[in-house]
Amino acid sequence: MSTIEIRGQDIDGDPTSCTIAQFITVFETIARHEDVREHIWYGADMSPSAGDFASYRGEKASRIGSIDQVIELLRAAPFPQLDWGYLLH
């Protein structure tokens, strides 16, 4: 598992971190690299969520699928910011 730690200011200059827009930017950047196109991504939402993220609630990672599916899930998020969770491949 890889860990990346960045702040909102590192991505788009926003003093707020973990916004959905920032995550989309990060994953769209990662998706440009052909070597990750084949990876299967998993996610878990450690805090209660609504919408499509609700199925990822809990500490156990659930399969999301391709990086494109991760980006689709983020675009459909009904909230502006993620509180706590993880994505891995």
Protein backbone atom coordinates (compact mmCIF):
# COMPACT_ATOMS: atom_id res chain seq x y z
CA MET A 1 0.00 0.00 0.00
CA SER A 2 1.23 3.50 -0.84
CA THR A 3 0.59 6.52 1.33
CA ILE A 4 0.48 10.08 0.08
CA GLU A 5 0.14 13.06 2.40
CA ILE A 6 -0.62 16.42 0.82
CA ARG A 7 -2.48 19.52 1.87
CA GLY A 8 -5.09 21.45 -0.07
CA GLN A 9 -2.60 24.26 -0.59
CA ASP A 10 -0.31 21.77 -2.37
CA ILE A 11 -3.05 20.92 -4.88
CA ASP A 12 -5.13 24.00 -5.61
CA GLY A 13 -4.05 26.64 -3.12
CA ASP A 14 -7.13 26.11 -0.93
CA PRO A 15 -6.37 26.22 2.81
CA THR A 16 -9.03 23.49 3.24
CA SER A 17 -7.78 19.95 2.63
CA CYS A 18 -9.53 16.80 1.43
CA THR A 19 -12.12 18.49 -0.75
CA ILE A 20 -13.75 16.33 -3.40
CA ALA A 21 -12.35 18.63 -6.11
CA GLN A 22 -8.83 18.07 -4.77
CA PHE A 23 -9.28 14.30 -4.74
CA ILE A 24 -10.57 14.37 -8.31
CA THR A 25 -7.52 16.41 -9.36
CA VAL A 26 -5.15 13.96 -7.67
CA PHE A 27 -6.81 10.86 -9.15
CA GLU A 28 -7.07 12.39 -12.64
CA THR A 29 -3.33 13.07 -12.42
CA ILE A 30 -2.60 9.52 -11.29
CA ALA A 31 -4.84 8.16 -14.07
CA ARG A 32 -2.60 9.71 -16.72
CA HIS A 33 0.05 7.11 -15.94
CA GLU A 34 -0.49 3.96 -17.99
CA ASP A 35 1.04 1.69 -15.35
CA VAL A 36 -1.92 2.33 -12.99
CA ARG A 37 -4.67 1.83 -15.58
CA GLU A 38 -4.79 -1.90 -14.76
CA HIS A 39 -4.90 -1.50 -10.97
CA ILE A 40 -7.99 -2.39 -8.97
CA TRP A 41 -8.80 0.20 -6.28
CA TYR A 42 -10.37 -0.38 -2.88
CA GLY A 43 -11.78 2.16 -0.47
CA ALA A 44 -13.18 2.54 3.01
CA ASP A 45 -15.00 5.45 4.59
CA MET A 46 -14.11 5.64 8.25
CA SER A 47 -16.80 8.25 8.97
CA PRO A 48 -20.52 8.04 8.22
CA SER A 49 -21.37 9.09 4.68
CA ALA A 50 -24.38 9.50 2.49
CA GLY A 51 -24.95 8.54 -1.11
CA ASP A 52 -22.65 6.22 -3.04
CA PHE A 53 -19.95 6.36 -0.36
CA ALA A 54 -22.24 4.77 2.25
CA SER A 55 -21.45 1.28 0.95
CA TYR A 56 -17.76 1.85 1.80
CA ARG A 57 -18.49 2.62 5.46
CA GLY A 58 -16.29 0.83 7.99
CA GLU A 59 -12.71 -0.18 8.44
CA LYS A 60 -12.77 -3.00 5.89
CA ALA A 61 -11.81 -1.92 2.39
CA SER A 62 -14.36 -2.68 -0.33
CA ARG A 63 -13.60 -3.08 -4.03
CA ILE A 64 -14.28 0.01 -6.14
CA GLY A 65 -12.67 -1.09 -9.41
CA SER A 66 -10.67 0.91 -11.92
CA ILE A 67 -9.26 4.37 -11.31
CA ASP A 68 -11.97 5.69 -13.66
CA GLN A 69 -14.57 4.22 -11.31
CA VAL A 70 -12.86 5.95 -8.36
CA ILE A 71 -13.11 9.28 -10.21
CA GLU A 72 -16.78 8.64 -11.08
CA LEU A 73 -17.53 7.89 -7.43
CA LEU A 74 -15.84 11.12 -6.35
CA ARG A 75 -17.72 13.16 -8.96
CA ALA A 76 -21.02 11.77 -7.65
CA ALA A 77 -20.24 12.63 -4.02
CA PRO A 78 -23.11 14.57 -2.42
CA PHE A 79 -20.76 16.47 -0.11
CA PRO A 80 -17.82 18.87 -0.64
CA GLN A 81 -15.18 17.21 1.53
CA LEU A 82 -14.04 13.80 2.76
CA ASP A 83 -13.49 13.54 6.50
CA TRP A 84 -11.55 10.32 6.90
CA GLY A 85 -11.09 7.27 4.77
CA TYR A 86 -8.63 5.51 2.55
CA LEU A 87 -8.19 4.32 -1.01
CA LEU A 88 -5.66 1.71 -1.96
CA HIS A 89 -4.71 -0.46 -4.89
